[in-house]
N, C-alpha and C. Protein backbone atom coordinates (compact mmCIF):
# COMPACT_ATOMS: atom_id res chain seq x y z
N UNK A 1 -11.19 -4.56 5.12
CA UNK A 1 -10.26 -3.62 5.74
C UNK A 1 -10.79 -2.21 5.53
N UNK A 2 -10.91 -1.48 6.61
CA UNK A 2 -11.36 -0.09 6.52
C UNK A 2 -10.15 0.82 6.23
N UNK A 3 -10.41 2.05 5.81
CA UNK A 3 -9.29 2.99 5.61
C UNK A 3 -8.45 3.17 6.87
N UNK A 4 -9.08 3.23 8.04
CA UNK A 4 -8.32 3.36 9.29
C UNK A 4 -7.46 2.13 9.55
N UNK A 5 -8.01 0.95 9.28
CA UNK A 5 -7.24 -0.28 9.46
C UNK A 5 -6.04 -0.31 8.50
N UNK A 6 -6.25 0.14 7.28
CA UNK A 6 -5.16 0.19 6.31
C UNK A 6 -4.05 1.12 6.81
N UNK A 7 -4.42 2.31 7.26
CA UNK A 7 -3.42 3.25 7.75
C UNK A 7 -2.71 2.74 8.99
N UNK A 8 -3.44 2.10 9.88
CA UNK A 8 -2.81 1.52 11.08
C UNK A 8 -1.84 0.41 10.69
N UNK A 9 -2.23 -0.42 9.71
CA UNK A 9 -1.34 -1.49 9.24
C UNK A 9 -0.07 -0.92 8.64
N UNK A 10 -0.19 0.13 7.84
CA UNK A 10 1.00 0.76 7.24
C UNK A 10 1.90 1.34 8.32
N UNK A 11 1.31 2.04 9.29
CA UNK A 11 2.10 2.64 10.37
C UNK A 11 2.79 1.58 11.22
N UNK A 12 2.06 0.51 11.56
CA UNK A 12 2.63 -0.56 12.38
C UNK A 12 3.76 -1.27 11.65
N UNK A 13 3.56 -1.53 10.36
CA UNK A 13 4.61 -2.21 9.58
C UNK A 13 5.86 -1.34 9.49
N UNK A 14 5.67 -0.04 9.25
CA UNK A 14 6.81 0.87 9.16
C UNK A 14 7.55 0.94 10.49
N UNK A 15 6.82 0.99 11.60
CA UNK A 15 7.45 1.05 12.92
C UNK A 15 8.21 -0.24 13.22
N UNK A 16 7.61 -1.38 12.88
CA UNK A 16 8.24 -2.67 13.14
C UNK A 16 9.48 -2.89 12.27
N UNK A 17 9.51 -2.27 11.09
CA UNK A 17 10.64 -2.44 10.17
C UNK A 17 11.92 -1.84 10.71
N UNK A 18 11.79 -0.77 11.51
CA UNK A 18 12.99 -0.11 12.03
C UNK A 18 13.90 0.32 10.90
N UNK A 19 15.13 -0.13 10.94
CA UNK A 19 16.13 0.22 9.91
C UNK A 19 16.21 -0.79 8.78
N UNK A 20 15.35 -1.79 8.77
CA UNK A 20 15.38 -2.83 7.73
C UNK A 20 14.39 -2.49 6.63
N UNK A 21 14.86 -1.97 5.49
CA UNK A 21 13.94 -1.58 4.42
C UNK A 21 13.14 -2.74 3.85
N UNK A 22 13.63 -3.97 3.97
CA UNK A 22 12.90 -5.14 3.45
C UNK A 22 11.61 -5.40 4.21
N UNK A 23 11.51 -4.88 5.45
CA UNK A 23 10.31 -5.10 6.25
C UNK A 23 9.34 -3.93 6.18
N UNK A 24 9.71 -2.87 5.49
CA UNK A 24 8.85 -1.70 5.33
C UNK A 24 7.68 -2.03 4.40
N UNK A 25 6.58 -1.26 4.47
CA UNK A 25 5.46 -1.51 3.56
C UNK A 25 5.92 -1.42 2.10
N UNK A 26 5.53 -2.42 1.31
CA UNK A 26 6.00 -2.45 -0.07
C UNK A 26 4.90 -2.51 -1.11
N UNK A 27 3.73 -3.01 -0.75
CA UNK A 27 2.65 -3.14 -1.73
C UNK A 27 1.34 -3.32 -0.98
N UNK A 28 0.31 -2.64 -1.47
CA UNK A 28 -1.04 -2.82 -0.97
C UNK A 28 -1.80 -3.56 -2.06
N UNK A 29 -2.38 -4.70 -1.71
CA UNK A 29 -3.22 -5.41 -2.67
C UNK A 29 -4.67 -5.29 -2.21
N UNK A 30 -5.56 -5.08 -3.16
CA UNK A 30 -6.97 -4.86 -2.83
C UNK A 30 -7.85 -5.69 -3.76
N UNK A 31 -8.74 -6.48 -3.15
CA UNK A 31 -9.73 -7.23 -3.91
C UNK A 31 -10.67 -6.21 -4.55
N UNK A 32 -10.96 -6.38 -5.81
CA UNK A 32 -11.70 -5.36 -6.57
C UNK A 32 -13.03 -4.98 -5.93
N UNK A 33 -13.68 -5.88 -5.20
CA UNK A 33 -14.93 -5.57 -4.53
C UNK A 33 -14.75 -4.60 -3.37
N UNK A 34 -13.53 -4.45 -2.88
CA UNK A 34 -13.24 -3.53 -1.77
C UNK A 34 -12.84 -2.15 -2.25
N UNK A 35 -12.71 -1.99 -3.55
CA UNK A 35 -12.22 -0.73 -4.11
C UNK A 35 -12.94 0.50 -3.58
N UNK A 36 -14.25 0.51 -3.69
CA UNK A 36 -15.02 1.69 -3.29
C UNK A 36 -14.91 1.93 -1.79
N UNK A 37 -15.07 0.88 -1.00
CA UNK A 37 -15.07 1.05 0.44
C UNK A 37 -13.71 1.47 1.01
N UNK A 38 -12.64 0.96 0.45
CA UNK A 38 -11.31 1.21 1.02
C UNK A 38 -10.57 2.32 0.28
N UNK A 39 -10.29 2.11 -0.98
CA UNK A 39 -9.38 3.02 -1.67
C UNK A 39 -9.97 4.36 -2.04
N UNK A 40 -11.24 4.40 -2.35
CA UNK A 40 -11.81 5.72 -2.64
C UNK A 40 -11.85 6.56 -1.37
N UNK A 41 -12.01 5.91 -0.23
CA UNK A 41 -12.05 6.63 1.04
C UNK A 41 -10.68 7.16 1.46
N UNK A 42 -9.59 6.50 1.05
CA UNK A 42 -8.25 6.98 1.42
C UNK A 42 -7.69 7.92 0.35
N UNK A 43 -8.45 8.13 -0.70
CA UNK A 43 -8.06 9.03 -1.78
C UNK A 43 -6.72 8.64 -2.42
N UNK A 44 -6.65 7.40 -2.87
CA UNK A 44 -5.46 6.94 -3.59
C UNK A 44 -5.22 7.84 -4.79
N UNK A 45 -3.95 8.04 -5.14
CA UNK A 45 -3.61 8.95 -6.23
C UNK A 45 -2.75 8.26 -7.29
N UNK A 46 -2.73 8.85 -8.45
CA UNK A 46 -1.88 8.39 -9.54
C UNK A 46 -1.33 9.64 -10.22
N UNK A 47 -0.08 9.99 -9.92
CA UNK A 47 0.54 11.20 -10.47
C UNK A 47 0.89 11.02 -11.95
N UNK A 48 1.25 9.80 -12.33
CA UNK A 48 1.60 9.49 -13.72
C UNK A 48 1.30 8.02 -13.97
N UNK A 49 0.99 7.67 -15.21
CA UNK A 49 0.63 6.29 -15.52
C UNK A 49 1.74 5.30 -15.15
N UNK A 50 2.99 5.67 -15.40
CA UNK A 50 4.09 4.75 -15.08
C UNK A 50 4.39 4.71 -13.59
N UNK A 51 3.80 5.60 -12.81
CA UNK A 51 4.00 5.64 -11.37
C UNK A 51 3.01 4.72 -10.65
N UNK A 52 1.87 4.48 -11.26
CA UNK A 52 0.87 3.60 -10.69
C UNK A 52 0.04 4.26 -9.61
N UNK A 53 -0.98 3.57 -9.20
CA UNK A 53 -1.88 4.01 -8.14
C UNK A 53 -1.16 3.84 -6.81
N UNK A 54 -1.20 4.87 -5.96
CA UNK A 54 -0.50 4.84 -4.67
C UNK A 54 -1.34 5.42 -3.55
N UNK A 55 -1.05 4.93 -2.35
CA UNK A 55 -1.59 5.52 -1.12
C UNK A 55 -0.41 5.69 -0.19
N UNK A 56 -0.18 6.92 0.26
CA UNK A 56 0.93 7.25 1.13
C UNK A 56 2.26 6.78 0.54
N UNK A 57 2.37 6.86 -0.78
CA UNK A 57 3.55 6.50 -1.57
C UNK A 57 3.79 5.00 -1.68
N UNK A 58 2.81 4.18 -1.33
CA UNK A 58 2.90 2.73 -1.48
C UNK A 58 2.05 2.33 -2.68
N UNK A 59 2.61 1.51 -3.56
CA UNK A 59 1.91 1.05 -4.77
C UNK A 59 0.71 0.19 -4.37
N UNK A 60 -0.37 0.34 -5.15
CA UNK A 60 -1.60 -0.42 -4.93
C UNK A 60 -1.90 -1.24 -6.18
N UNK A 61 -2.19 -2.52 -5.98
CA UNK A 61 -2.67 -3.39 -7.05
C UNK A 61 -4.09 -3.80 -6.71
N UNK A 62 -5.00 -3.64 -7.67
CA UNK A 62 -6.40 -3.99 -7.48
C UNK A 62 -6.75 -5.09 -8.47
N UNK A 63 -7.44 -6.11 -8.00
CA UNK A 63 -7.86 -7.17 -8.90
C UNK A 63 -8.81 -8.14 -8.24
N UNK A 64 -9.57 -8.84 -9.04
CA UNK A 64 -10.56 -9.78 -8.50
C UNK A 64 -9.88 -10.96 -7.82
N UNK A 65 -8.64 -11.26 -8.19
CA UNK A 65 -7.92 -12.39 -7.59
C UNK A 65 -7.03 -11.96 -6.42
N UNK A 66 -7.03 -10.65 -6.10
CA UNK A 66 -6.20 -10.13 -5.01
C UNK A 66 -6.89 -10.32 -3.67
N UNK A 67 -6.10 -10.43 -2.62
CA UNK A 67 -6.61 -10.39 -1.25
C UNK A 67 -6.26 -9.01 -0.72
N UNK A 68 -7.14 -8.38 0.04
CA UNK A 68 -6.89 -7.05 0.56
C UNK A 68 -5.93 -7.17 1.74
N UNK A 69 -4.69 -6.67 1.53
CA UNK A 69 -3.66 -6.75 2.57
C UNK A 69 -2.47 -5.87 2.21
N UNK A 70 -1.54 -5.76 3.15
CA UNK A 70 -0.31 -5.01 2.93
C UNK A 70 0.85 -5.99 2.99
N UNK A 71 1.73 -5.93 1.99
CA UNK A 71 2.91 -6.78 1.93
C UNK A 71 4.16 -5.97 2.24
N UNK A 72 5.16 -6.62 2.82
CA UNK A 72 6.44 -5.97 3.01
C UNK A 72 7.15 -5.86 1.65
N UNK A 73 8.22 -5.09 1.62
CA UNK A 73 9.00 -4.97 0.38
C UNK A 73 9.59 -6.32 -0.01
N UNK A 74 10.02 -7.09 0.96
CA UNK A 74 10.57 -8.42 0.68
C UNK A 74 9.51 -9.32 0.05
N UNK A 75 8.29 -9.27 0.56
CA UNK A 75 7.20 -10.09 0.02
C UNK A 75 6.77 -9.59 -1.36
N UNK A 76 6.78 -8.28 -1.56
CA UNK A 76 6.31 -7.68 -2.81
C UNK A 76 7.30 -7.82 -3.95
N UNK A 77 8.58 -7.87 -3.62
CA UNK A 77 9.60 -7.93 -4.66
C UNK A 77 9.50 -6.73 -5.58
N UNK A 78 9.62 -6.97 -6.86
CA UNK A 78 9.59 -5.88 -7.84
C UNK A 78 8.19 -5.31 -8.07
N UNK A 79 7.16 -5.99 -7.59
CA UNK A 79 5.79 -5.52 -7.82
C UNK A 79 5.50 -4.17 -7.17
N UNK A 80 6.22 -3.84 -6.10
CA UNK A 80 6.00 -2.58 -5.40
C UNK A 80 6.96 -1.47 -5.79
N UNK A 81 7.93 -1.80 -6.63
CA UNK A 81 8.96 -0.82 -7.02
C UNK A 81 8.38 0.21 -7.99
N UNK A 82 8.88 1.44 -7.99
CA UNK A 82 9.96 1.93 -7.15
C UNK A 82 9.44 2.26 -5.75
N UNK A 83 10.25 1.88 -4.77
CA UNK A 83 9.87 2.11 -3.38
C UNK A 83 10.20 3.53 -2.96
N UNK A 84 9.34 4.05 -2.09
CA UNK A 84 9.52 5.38 -1.55
C UNK A 84 9.26 5.34 -0.05
N UNK A 85 9.65 6.38 0.66
CA UNK A 85 9.35 6.46 2.08
C UNK A 85 7.85 6.59 2.29
N UNK A 86 7.37 5.99 3.36
CA UNK A 86 5.95 6.07 3.70
C UNK A 86 5.60 7.52 4.02
N UNK A 87 4.61 8.02 3.31
CA UNK A 87 4.16 9.40 3.53
C UNK A 87 3.29 9.44 4.79
N UNK A 88 3.43 10.51 5.54
CA UNK A 88 2.62 10.68 6.76
C UNK A 88 1.14 10.77 6.40
N UNK A 89 0.29 10.42 7.34
CA UNK A 89 -1.15 10.54 7.13
C UNK A 89 -1.52 12.00 6.97
N UNK A 90 -2.49 12.23 6.10
CA UNK A 90 -2.95 13.61 5.88
C UNK A 90 -3.93 14.03 6.93
């Protein structure tokens, strides 16, 4: 997944969710081998350790057992909390 594909996926998911917060983007999972190509290019941030790594206010989990994809809030459950509104692209 390229940075543009990630941003398009987030935008499409947010648009499709409409007024249903359970369908909004809730968690980005990234296979550790994709870290440099995807997340460094989108400039993921971490404002505080307890806030976690985020892109456009969506929590990111990186790991060797992860698949690179975007989950809805319903799919992510508590793993993506605390949820915030999707930040506009910079």
